[in-house]
Structures are given as structure tokens and as C-alpha cells.
Amino acid sequence: MIHAHLAVTRHTDDADHSRSAMMMMAALLQHPDQLSDTRDWYAMRLSGLDLEETGDRRVVLAFLAGEGAFLLKALGLIEPTEPQWRALFDDMLSAPASPIDRTGGR
């Protein structure tokens, strides 16, 4: 699930990056009660991963790196070229999948 999320993020265009990030931040600022929904979304993405396991930690780090890169780009704080962006996400996507799918296929 995390690899699929990274793959989609890699192929999102600049307009979608900016729009998505701004919508998320505006929603959280205007409706703090939605913070729990966002927490739940992230918890679901990371469920079944064991931070005591090296492979799982690598998957989580790749996910967090992708989320951070997405927000930094959307906010105009970094401006990687398209080839640089693809290379970053290629590296993130090369993180090994969790050896055991403990998420129940979610």
C-alpha cells in the first residue's frame, strides 16, 4: 500500500501537489476536529508495520520521505527538476517491501 502511495505521489503534477497540500492544510487549520481523521489515515497506512524490524522501518522511512518531499515541493520550498523528482521517488520505491504483509491486504 505504501509503495502504491509513493508511486502515485511521484506522478502527481505540480498543480495537483500544490492544490492537495493547500486543501489539506486549510482543512486542518479550519477544522481541527478533522485532525483525528488525518491521524487515522496515517495510522492505517502504517498499520501492521513493526518499527523494531529493519525492513519495516525502511518502508516507513520511504513513506515519510515521500510525504515530506510532497509538502516541501507543494509549498515551493524545494524545486527539483522532473528527472530529480523521479529519481528521488525511484529511490524511495526501492525500499524493500515488508517481508510479511501484516496489514491484511489493506
C-alpha atoms as a PDB file:
ATOM      1  CA  MET A   1       0.000   0.000   0.000  1.00  0.00           C
ATOM      2  CA  ILE A   2       2.842   2.407   0.828  1.00  0.00           C
ATOM      3  CA  HIS A   3       4.667   1.639  -2.415  1.00  0.00           C
ATOM      4  CA  ALA A   4       1.469   2.383  -4.349  1.00  0.00           C
ATOM      5  CA  HIS A   5       1.055   5.671  -2.480  1.00  0.00           C
ATOM      6  CA  LEU A   6       4.642   6.661  -3.331  1.00  0.00           C
ATOM      7  CA  ALA A   7       4.134   5.719  -6.975  1.00  0.00           C
ATOM      8  CA  VAL A   8       1.027   7.901  -7.224  1.00  0.00           C
ATOM      9  CA  THR A   9       2.775  10.804  -5.492  1.00  0.00           C
ATOM     10  CA  ARG A  10       5.725  10.527  -7.892  1.00  0.00           C
ATOM     11  CA  HIS A  11       3.404  11.016 -10.879  1.00  0.00           C
ATOM     12  CA  THR A  12       1.338  13.884  -9.463  1.00  0.00           C
ATOM     13  CA  ASP A  13       1.836  17.136 -11.361  1.00  0.00           C
ATOM     14  CA  ASP A  14       2.794  20.462  -9.766  1.00  0.00           C
ATOM     15  CA  ALA A  15      -0.737  21.857  -9.808  1.00  0.00           C
ATOM     16  CA  ASP A  16      -2.076  18.766  -8.044  1.00  0.00           C
ATOM     17  CA  HIS A  17       0.767  18.909  -5.492  1.00  0.00           C
ATOM     18  CA  SER A  18       0.004  22.481  -4.572  1.00  0.00           C
ATOM     19  CA  ARG A  19      -3.774  22.052  -4.554  1.00  0.00           C
ATOM     20  CA  SER A  20      -3.651  18.894  -2.425  1.00  0.00           C
ATOM     21  CA  ALA A  21      -1.261  20.310   0.130  1.00  0.00           C
ATOM     22  CA  MET A  22      -3.141  23.569   0.478  1.00  0.00           C
ATOM     23  CA  MET A  23      -6.513  21.823   0.776  1.00  0.00           C
ATOM     24  CA  MET A  24      -5.157  19.523   3.470  1.00  0.00           C
ATOM     25  CA  MET A  25      -3.546  22.345   5.448  1.00  0.00           C
ATOM     26  CA  ALA A  26      -6.589  24.614   5.125  1.00  0.00           C
ATOM     27  CA  ALA A  27      -8.918  21.843   6.241  1.00  0.00           C
ATOM     28  CA  LEU A  28      -6.779  21.066   9.272  1.00  0.00           C
ATOM     29  CA  LEU A  29      -6.494  24.731  10.239  1.00  0.00           C
ATOM     30  CA  GLN A  30     -10.191  25.469   9.761  1.00  0.00           C
ATOM     31  CA  HIS A  31     -11.447  22.204  11.226  1.00  0.00           C
ATOM     32  CA  PRO A  32      -9.049  20.921  13.905  1.00  0.00           C
ATOM     33  CA  ASP A  33     -11.556  18.147  14.615  1.00  0.00           C
ATOM     34  CA  GLN A  34     -10.518  16.642  11.283  1.00  0.00           C
ATOM     35  CA  LEU A  35      -7.028  16.114  12.660  1.00  0.00           C
ATOM     36  CA  SER A  36      -8.207  12.807  14.098  1.00  0.00           C
ATOM     37  CA  ASP A  37      -9.347  11.706  10.623  1.00  0.00           C
ATOM     38  CA  THR A  38      -5.922  12.562   9.219  1.00  0.00           C
ATOM     39  CA  ARG A  39      -4.210  10.748  12.084  1.00  0.00           C
ATOM     40  CA  ASP A  40      -6.406   7.723  11.385  1.00  0.00           C
ATOM     41  CA  TRP A  41      -5.483   7.842   7.671  1.00  0.00           C
ATOM     42  CA  TYR A  42      -1.764   7.815   8.501  1.00  0.00           C
ATOM     43  CA  ALA A  43      -2.229   5.142  11.172  1.00  0.00           C
ATOM     44  CA  MET A  44      -3.993   2.936   8.637  1.00  0.00           C
ATOM     45  CA  ARG A  45      -1.125   3.383   6.164  1.00  0.00           C
ATOM     46  CA  LEU A  46       1.407   2.381   8.801  1.00  0.00           C
ATOM     47  CA  SER A  47      -0.644  -0.339  10.477  1.00  0.00           C
ATOM     48  CA  GLY A  48       0.985  -3.722  10.540  1.00  0.00           C
ATOM     49  CA  LEU A  49       4.484  -2.309  10.210  1.00  0.00           C
ATOM     50  CA  ASP A  50       6.818  -3.036  13.104  1.00  0.00           C
ATOM     51  CA  LEU A  51       9.352  -0.294  13.792  1.00  0.00           C
ATOM     52  CA  GLU A  52      11.502  -2.904  15.532  1.00  0.00           C
ATOM     53  CA  GLU A  53      12.021  -4.605  12.142  1.00  0.00           C
ATOM     54  CA  THR A  54      14.660  -3.161   9.798  1.00  0.00           C
ATOM     55  CA  GLY A  55      12.669  -3.819   6.612  1.00  0.00           C
ATOM     56  CA  ASP A  56       9.529  -2.250   8.028  1.00  0.00           C
ATOM     57  CA  ARG A  57      11.473   0.809   9.216  1.00  0.00           C
ATOM     58  CA  ARG A  58      12.815   1.276   5.691  1.00  0.00           C
ATOM     59  CA  VAL A  59       9.271   1.206   4.311  1.00  0.00           C
ATOM     60  CA  VAL A  60       8.134   3.752   6.913  1.00  0.00           C
ATOM     61  CA  LEU A  61      11.136   5.993   6.179  1.00  0.00           C
ATOM     62  CA  ALA A  62      10.381   5.875   2.457  1.00  0.00           C
ATOM     63  CA  PHE A  63       6.758   6.816   3.155  1.00  0.00           C
ATOM     64  CA  LEU A  64       7.721   9.701   5.447  1.00  0.00           C
ATOM     65  CA  ALA A  65      10.318  10.917   2.938  1.00  0.00           C
ATOM     66  CA  GLY A  66       7.680  10.899   0.204  1.00  0.00           C
ATOM     67  CA  GLU A  67       5.210  12.835   2.343  1.00  0.00           C
ATOM     68  CA  GLY A  68       7.879  15.365   3.284  1.00  0.00           C
ATOM     69  CA  ALA A  69       9.061  15.789  -0.302  1.00  0.00           C
ATOM     70  CA  PHE A  70       5.468  16.219  -1.450  1.00  0.00           C
ATOM     71  CA  LEU A  71       4.775  19.000   1.067  1.00  0.00           C
ATOM     72  CA  LEU A  72       8.085  20.790   0.521  1.00  0.00           C
ATOM     73  CA  LYS A  73       7.519  20.800  -3.234  1.00  0.00           C
ATOM     74  CA  ALA A  74       3.884  21.864  -2.885  1.00  0.00           C
ATOM     75  CA  LEU A  75       4.888  24.762  -0.657  1.00  0.00           C
ATOM     76  CA  GLY A  76       7.573  25.836  -3.120  1.00  0.00           C
ATOM     77  CA  LEU A  77      10.375  25.202  -0.647  1.00  0.00           C
ATOM     78  CA  ILE A  78      12.173  22.809  -2.994  1.00  0.00           C
ATOM     79  CA  GLU A  79      12.115  22.823  -6.778  1.00  0.00           C
ATOM     80  CA  PRO A  80      13.518  19.556  -8.090  1.00  0.00           C
ATOM     81  CA  THR A  81      13.529  19.027 -11.826  1.00  0.00           C
ATOM     82  CA  GLU A  82      11.269  16.287 -13.138  1.00  0.00           C
ATOM     83  CA  PRO A  83      14.203  13.854 -13.538  1.00  0.00           C
ATOM     84  CA  GLN A  84      15.381  14.648  -9.992  1.00  0.00           C
ATOM     85  CA  TRP A  85      11.859  14.127  -8.644  1.00  0.00           C
ATOM     86  CA  ARG A  86      11.546  10.776 -10.408  1.00  0.00           C
ATOM     87  CA  ALA A  87      14.984   9.717  -9.132  1.00  0.00           C
ATOM     88  CA  LEU A  88      14.059  10.588  -5.547  1.00  0.00           C
ATOM     89  CA  PHE A  89      10.886   8.546  -5.758  1.00  0.00           C
ATOM     90  CA  ASP A  90      12.664   5.706  -7.559  1.00  0.00           C
ATOM     91  CA  ASP A  91      14.977   5.519  -4.545  1.00  0.00           C
ATOM     92  CA  MET A  92      12.048   5.637  -2.134  1.00  0.00           C
ATOM     93  CA  LEU A  93      10.263   2.940  -4.093  1.00  0.00           C
ATOM     94  CA  SER A  94      13.358   0.753  -3.994  1.00  0.00           C
ATOM     95  CA  ALA A  95      12.868   0.367  -0.239  1.00  0.00           C
ATOM     96  CA  PRO A  96      12.122  -3.287   0.302  1.00  0.00           C
ATOM     97  CA  ALA A  97       8.515  -4.185   0.832  1.00  0.00           C
ATOM     98  CA  SER A  98       7.775  -5.518   4.259  1.00  0.00           C
ATOM     99  CA  PRO A  99       8.796  -9.195   4.225  1.00  0.00           C
ATOM    100  CA  ILE A 100       5.474 -10.184   5.745  1.00  0.00           C
ATOM    101  CA  ASP A 101       2.256  -8.418   4.861  1.00  0.00           C
ATOM    102  CA  ARG A 102       0.808  -7.852   8.307  1.00  0.00           C
ATOM    103  CA  THR A 103      -1.742  -5.340   7.035  1.00  0.00           C
ATOM    104  CA  GLY A 104      -4.196  -7.976   5.907  1.00  0.00           C
ATOM    105  CA  GLY A 105      -4.022  -6.677   2.339  1.00  0.00           C
ATOM    106  CA  ARG A 106      -5.462  -3.275   3.288  1.00  0.00           C
END
